[in-house]
Protein backbone atom coordinates (compact mmCIF):
# COMPACT_ATOMS: atom_id res chain seq x y z
CA UNK A 1 83.12 142.72 -67.19
CA UNK A 2 85.18 145.26 -65.32
CA UNK A 3 87.84 144.76 -62.69
CA UNK A 4 86.08 144.73 -59.31
CA UNK A 5 88.98 146.43 -57.53
CA UNK A 6 88.69 149.43 -59.86
CA UNK A 7 84.97 149.73 -59.15
CA UNK A 8 85.60 149.60 -55.39
CA UNK A 9 88.35 152.24 -55.59
CA UNK A 10 86.26 154.68 -57.61
CA UNK A 11 83.25 154.14 -55.35
CA UNK A 12 85.43 154.85 -52.31
CA UNK A 13 86.74 157.92 -54.14
CA UNK A 14 83.22 159.27 -54.63
CA UNK A 15 82.37 158.48 -50.98
CA UNK A 16 85.36 160.52 -49.79
CA UNK A 17 84.53 163.43 -52.13
CA UNK A 18 80.88 163.40 -51.05
CA UNK A 19 81.60 163.42 -47.31
CA UNK A 20 84.33 166.06 -47.71
CA UNK A 21 81.80 168.66 -48.83
CA UNK A 22 81.48 170.12 -45.31
CA UNK A 23 85.25 170.64 -45.08
CA UNK A 24 85.30 172.40 -48.44
CA UNK A 25 82.41 174.66 -47.41
CA UNK A 26 84.11 175.60 -44.13
CA UNK A 27 87.40 176.29 -45.90
CA UNK A 28 85.67 178.54 -48.43
CA UNK A 29 84.40 180.75 -45.58
CA UNK A 30 87.97 181.74 -44.68
CA UNK A 31 90.03 181.32 -47.86
CA UNK A 32 89.77 182.57 -51.44
CA UNK A 33 89.56 179.90 -54.19
CA UNK A 34 93.22 179.87 -55.31
CA UNK A 35 94.48 179.98 -51.73
CA UNK A 36 92.22 177.11 -50.67
CA UNK A 37 93.15 174.98 -53.69
CA UNK A 38 96.86 175.68 -53.22
CA UNK A 39 96.74 174.74 -49.53
CA UNK A 40 94.73 171.53 -50.01
CA UNK A 41 96.91 170.38 -52.92
CA UNK A 42 100.08 171.09 -50.91
CA UNK A 43 98.73 169.06 -47.96
CA UNK A 44 97.83 166.24 -50.35
CA UNK A 45 101.26 166.12 -52.00
CA UNK A 46 102.96 166.26 -48.59
CA UNK A 47 100.80 163.33 -47.47
CA UNK A 48 101.58 161.22 -50.56
CA UNK A 49 105.36 161.72 -50.52
CA UNK A 50 106.05 159.34 -47.61
CA UNK A 51 103.27 157.00 -48.80
CA UNK A 52 104.95 155.81 -51.98
CA UNK A 53 108.30 155.59 -50.19
CA UNK A 54 106.72 153.35 -47.53
CA UNK A 55 105.07 151.24 -50.24
CA UNK A 56 108.47 150.78 -51.89
CA UNK A 57 110.02 149.68 -48.60
CA UNK A 58 107.21 147.17 -47.93
CA UNK A 59 107.69 145.78 -51.44
CA UNK A 60 111.44 145.43 -50.85
CA UNK A 61 112.35 148.05 -53.44
CA UNK A 62 115.17 150.58 -52.95
CA UNK A 63 114.03 154.05 -51.92
CA UNK A 64 113.64 156.23 -54.99
CA UNK A 65 111.69 159.36 -55.84
CA UNK A 66 110.78 158.09 -59.31
CA UNK A 67 110.38 154.40 -58.51
CA UNK A 68 112.15 153.35 -61.70
CA UNK A 69 115.52 153.67 -63.41
CA UNK A 70 113.97 153.61 -66.87
CA UNK A 71 114.35 157.07 -68.40
CA UNK A 72 111.39 156.68 -70.76
CA UNK A 73 109.07 155.70 -67.89
CA UNK A 74 110.30 158.67 -65.84
CA UNK A 75 109.58 161.04 -68.72
CA UNK A 76 106.12 159.53 -69.23
CA UNK A 77 105.39 159.81 -65.50
CA UNK A 78 106.49 163.45 -65.37
CA UNK A 79 104.67 164.40 -68.56
CA UNK A 80 101.48 162.64 -67.46
CA UNK A 81 101.62 164.22 -63.99
CA UNK A 82 102.05 167.71 -65.43
CA UNK A 83 99.18 167.26 -67.92
CA UNK A 84 96.82 165.88 -65.26
CA UNK A 85 97.92 168.53 -62.76
CA UNK A 86 97.17 171.40 -65.14
CA UNK A 87 93.74 169.92 -65.95
CA UNK A 88 92.99 169.44 -62.25
CA UNK A 89 94.10 172.98 -61.33
CA UNK A 90 91.86 174.55 -63.98
CA UNK A 91 88.83 172.36 -63.17
CA UNK A 92 89.03 172.88 -59.39
CA UNK A 93 89.46 176.65 -59.83
CA UNK A 94 86.34 177.02 -61.99
CA UNK A 95 84.39 174.87 -59.54
CA UNK A 96 85.49 176.86 -56.49
CA UNK A 97 84.66 180.19 -58.17
CA UNK A 98 81.29 178.95 -59.38
CA UNK A 99 80.29 177.70 -55.93
CA UNK A 100 80.22 181.30 -54.69
CA UNK A 101 77.60 182.31 -57.28
CA UNK A 102 75.17 179.38 -57.47
CA UNK A 103 73.36 176.91 -55.24
CA UNK A 104 74.95 173.70 -54.07
CA UNK A 105 72.26 171.62 -55.78
CA UNK A 106 72.74 173.24 -59.17
CA UNK A 107 76.52 173.06 -58.82
CA UNK A 108 76.31 169.33 -58.07
CA UNK A 109 74.06 168.65 -61.02
CA UNK A 110 75.99 170.74 -63.55
CA UNK A 111 79.32 169.25 -62.43
CA UNK A 112 77.86 165.76 -62.82
CA UNK A 113 77.17 166.51 -66.49
CA UNK A 114 80.64 165.09 -67.14
CA UNK A 115 78.67 161.82 -67.15
CA UNK A 116 77.43 162.88 -70.59
CA UNK A 117 80.50 164.82 -71.74
CA UNK A 118 83.02 162.02 -71.05
CA UNK A 119 81.62 159.49 -73.60
CA UNK A 120 81.04 162.21 -76.22
CA UNK A 121 84.57 163.67 -76.04
CA UNK A 122 86.03 160.19 -75.60
CA UNK A 123 84.47 159.13 -78.90
CA UNK A 124 85.48 162.31 -80.72
CA UNK A 125 89.10 162.61 -79.61
CA UNK A 126 90.16 159.20 -78.26
CA UNK A 127 87.99 156.89 -80.44
CA UNK A 128 86.57 155.25 -77.31
CA UNK A 129 83.72 152.82 -77.93
CA UNK A 130 80.47 153.26 -76.00
CA UNK A 131 77.80 150.55 -76.26
CA UNK A 132 74.04 151.07 -76.21
CA UNK A 133 73.68 149.99 -72.56
CA UNK A 134 76.28 152.54 -71.49
CA UNK A 135 74.50 155.33 -73.40
CA UNK A 136 71.21 154.30 -71.74
CA UNK A 137 72.98 154.35 -68.37
CA UNK A 138 74.28 157.86 -69.05
CA UNK A 139 70.74 159.11 -69.70
CA UNK A 140 69.32 157.38 -66.60
CA UNK A 141 72.15 158.66 -64.39
CA UNK A 142 71.70 162.22 -65.66
CA UNK A 143 67.97 162.14 -64.86
CA UNK A 144 68.80 160.72 -61.43
CA UNK A 145 71.32 163.48 -60.74
CA UNK A 146 68.71 166.09 -61.73
CA UNK A 147 66.23 164.64 -59.24
CA UNK A 148 68.88 164.66 -56.51
CA UNK A 149 70.37 168.10 -57.07
CA UNK A 150 67.69 170.38 -58.48
CA UNK A 151 64.85 171.48 -56.24
CA UNK A 152 64.52 175.07 -57.40
CA UNK A 153 63.59 176.71 -60.71
CA UNK A 154 66.39 176.01 -63.15
CA UNK A 155 67.86 179.26 -64.44
CA UNK A 156 71.37 179.94 -65.75
CA UNK A 157 73.60 182.55 -64.10
CA UNK A 158 77.29 183.45 -64.04
CA UNK A 159 78.12 180.84 -61.41
CA UNK A 160 76.41 178.11 -63.43
CA UNK A 161 78.61 178.94 -66.43
CA UNK A 162 81.73 178.58 -64.27
CA UNK A 163 80.48 175.20 -63.04
CA UNK A 164 79.66 174.07 -66.59
CA UNK A 165 83.20 175.02 -67.64
CA UNK A 166 84.45 173.03 -64.65
CA UNK A 167 82.47 169.97 -65.85
CA UNK A 168 84.25 170.14 -69.23
CA UNK A 169 87.61 170.52 -67.45
CA UNK A 170 86.96 167.53 -65.19
CA UNK A 171 86.05 165.58 -68.32
CA UNK A 172 89.46 166.44 -69.78
CA UNK A 173 91.06 165.41 -66.47
CA UNK A 174 89.31 162.01 -66.52
CA UNK A 175 90.29 161.38 -70.16
CA UNK A 176 93.88 162.53 -69.54
CA UNK A 177 94.24 160.03 -66.70
CA UNK A 178 92.84 157.25 -68.87
CA UNK A 179 95.31 158.07 -71.65
CA UNK A 180 98.48 158.14 -69.48
CA UNK A 181 97.96 155.81 -66.50
CA UNK A 182 98.75 152.41 -68.01
CA UNK A 183 102.20 151.20 -66.96
CA UNK A 184 102.76 154.02 -64.47
CA UNK A 185 102.88 154.16 -60.66
CA UNK A 186 99.47 155.57 -59.69
CA UNK A 187 100.57 157.03 -56.35
CA UNK A 188 103.56 158.82 -57.90
CA UNK A 189 101.42 160.12 -60.76
CA UNK A 190 98.96 161.47 -58.21
CA UNK A 191 101.80 163.10 -56.24
CA UNK A 192 103.11 164.88 -59.34
CA UNK A 193 99.67 166.10 -60.45
CA UNK A 194 98.91 167.45 -56.96
CA UNK A 195 102.32 169.13 -56.71
CA UNK A 196 101.73 170.78 -60.10
CA UNK A 197 98.21 171.80 -59.02
CA UNK A 198 99.59 173.36 -55.81
CA UNK A 199 102.32 175.17 -57.76
CA UNK A 200 99.90 176.65 -60.32
CA UNK A 201 97.43 177.77 -57.65
CA UNK A 202 100.27 179.13 -55.51
CA UNK A 203 101.67 181.35 -58.27
CA UNK A 204 98.22 182.64 -59.23
CA UNK A 205 97.32 183.08 -55.54
CA UNK A 206 100.06 185.67 -55.01
CA UNK A 207 99.09 187.48 -58.21
CA UNK A 208 95.29 187.65 -57.85
CA UNK A 209 94.54 187.11 -54.15
CA UNK A 210 95.69 188.29 -50.74
CA UNK A 211 96.49 185.11 -48.79
CA UNK A 212 96.32 185.44 -45.02
CA UNK A 213 98.23 183.19 -42.62
CA UNK A 214 95.63 183.99 -39.95
CA UNK A 215 92.77 182.76 -42.15
CA UNK A 216 94.77 179.69 -43.10
CA UNK A 217 95.27 178.77 -39.44
CA UNK A 218 91.55 179.27 -38.79
CA UNK A 219 90.69 176.87 -41.62
CA UNK A 220 93.57 174.41 -41.19
CA UNK A 221 91.37 171.48 -40.14
CA UNK A 222 89.13 171.88 -43.17
CA UNK A 223 92.12 172.35 -45.46
CA UNK A 224 93.91 169.32 -44.00
CA UNK A 225 90.85 167.09 -44.38
CA UNK A 226 90.11 168.29 -47.91
CA UNK A 227 93.80 167.95 -48.78
CA UNK A 228 94.60 164.57 -47.26
CA UNK A 229 91.28 162.80 -47.84
CA UNK A 230 89.59 164.51 -50.79
CA UNK A 231 92.75 165.29 -52.80
CA UNK A 232 95.45 162.95 -51.47
CA UNK A 233 93.41 159.77 -51.01
CA UNK A 234 90.51 160.58 -53.36
CA UNK A 235 92.46 161.57 -56.47
CA UNK A 236 94.92 158.71 -55.93
CA UNK A 237 92.04 156.21 -55.79
CA UNK A 238 90.71 157.81 -58.98
CA UNK A 239 94.01 157.36 -60.80
CA UNK A 240 94.55 153.75 -59.66
CA UNK A 241 90.88 152.88 -60.22
CA UNK A 242 90.94 154.19 -63.78
CA UNK A 243 93.63 151.63 -64.58
CA UNK A 244 90.90 149.00 -64.47
CA UNK A 245 87.71 150.83 -65.49
CA UNK A 246 86.76 152.70 -68.67
CA UNK A 247 86.29 156.47 -68.52
CA UNK A 248 82.51 156.09 -69.07
CA UNK A 249 82.07 153.78 -66.07
CA UNK A 250 84.54 155.84 -64.03
CA UNK A 251 82.58 159.06 -64.61
CA UNK A 252 79.35 157.46 -63.40
CA UNK A 253 80.99 155.92 -60.34
CA UNK A 254 82.63 159.22 -59.39
CA UNK A 255 79.34 161.10 -59.86
CA UNK A 256 78.14 159.17 -56.81
CA UNK A 257 79.82 161.91 -54.76
CA UNK A 258 76.56 163.88 -54.96
CA UNK A 259 74.60 160.85 -53.74
CA UNK A 260 77.01 160.25 -50.87
CA UNK A 261 76.95 163.95 -49.95
CA UNK A 262 73.18 163.82 -49.66
CA UNK A 263 73.19 160.52 -47.75
CA UNK A 264 75.86 161.76 -45.33
CA UNK A 265 73.73 164.84 -44.67
CA UNK A 266 70.85 162.49 -43.85
CA UNK A 267 72.89 160.19 -41.60
CA UNK A 268 75.17 162.72 -39.89
CA UNK A 269 73.18 165.95 -39.93
CA UNK A 270 69.64 164.62 -39.77
CA UNK A 271 68.62 166.19 -43.08
CA UNK A 272 65.38 164.77 -44.48
CA UNK A 273 65.42 163.03 -47.87
CA UNK A 274 62.49 163.73 -50.18
CA UNK A 275 60.83 161.11 -52.34
CA UNK A 276 62.28 162.88 -55.37
CA UNK A 277 65.83 162.55 -53.98
CA UNK A 278 65.34 158.87 -53.12
CA UNK A 279 64.17 158.21 -56.68
CA UNK A 280 67.24 160.05 -57.94
CA UNK A 281 69.55 157.85 -55.86
CA UNK A 282 67.79 154.73 -57.12
CA UNK A 283 68.16 155.83 -60.76
CA UNK A 284 71.89 156.54 -60.37
CA UNK A 285 72.54 153.16 -58.78
CA UNK A 286 70.50 151.40 -61.50
CA UNK A 287 72.48 153.25 -64.17
CA UNK A 288 75.83 152.18 -62.70
CA UNK A 289 74.77 148.53 -62.49
CA UNK A 290 73.30 148.61 -66.02
CA UNK A 291 76.48 150.10 -67.48
CA UNK A 292 78.52 147.14 -66.26
CA UNK A 293 76.41 144.48 -67.99
CA UNK A 294 78.48 143.06 -70.86
CA UNK A 295 76.99 143.29 -74.33
CA UNK A 296 76.75 139.96 -76.20
CA UNK A 297 79.46 139.58 -78.83
CA UNK A 298 78.45 139.46 -82.47
CA UNK A 299 79.97 136.00 -82.84
CA UNK A 300 77.58 134.58 -80.22
CA UNK A 301 74.46 135.90 -81.93
């Protein structure tokens, strides 16, 4: 069985990501992809900096940027943060570019394909074990995501290829977190990855885009919400949650963002849910529950 706290954190993470969709859409109306990603990552890092210092104070620890005097742990924290930050910067860039050239439904479904990619790449490169129930859950969840996200004829265009690339990059991000998180401070790791993400997007922003302070002020509420909640809180919950949950289960829990986005549209915006979408939600929830059922050990058979 899996640690319940990890499941709760990753579910909360997907809830935040799903409900933050409106903020991301509003921000995209005013800001180019690199500018938007730079601004939201900067807000997120700025939000997390006092957080881990406050946590240290509440725990009775001396104030410290690194949270440890051990040189090896510091190096591991920095290295892990840089690796995760680079993966996050690349994945979020491809997603933001692709969103401008495809429908929201197709983007949600193609991004959620990391449900399938995570166990495959995890087995190939990290020797992760995936049992038969988890593979069955992956198939059920993928069908459910298709029912939720795809309502139009499925054709492939340039935007879809960007989103598919983004799904592979988010897979790498998930696997990178799983490989580095054990023994590290999750909030500090999140701070470093977001700082690195902001730095990469910031450099590329000045090279390839024309950032406007006026547009940034017009979109500041959307940027602040996407930065603090979606990036700051969401990615931190992902990192801490993945301490306790395998990458396969984590990918399915985080794919709930599409379900929560649809449900929030129903509850907050009065959007009608079709029978097809309700069946999709049911399939995803069944898949997540099924994936957490422990397989009987060979010794007990």
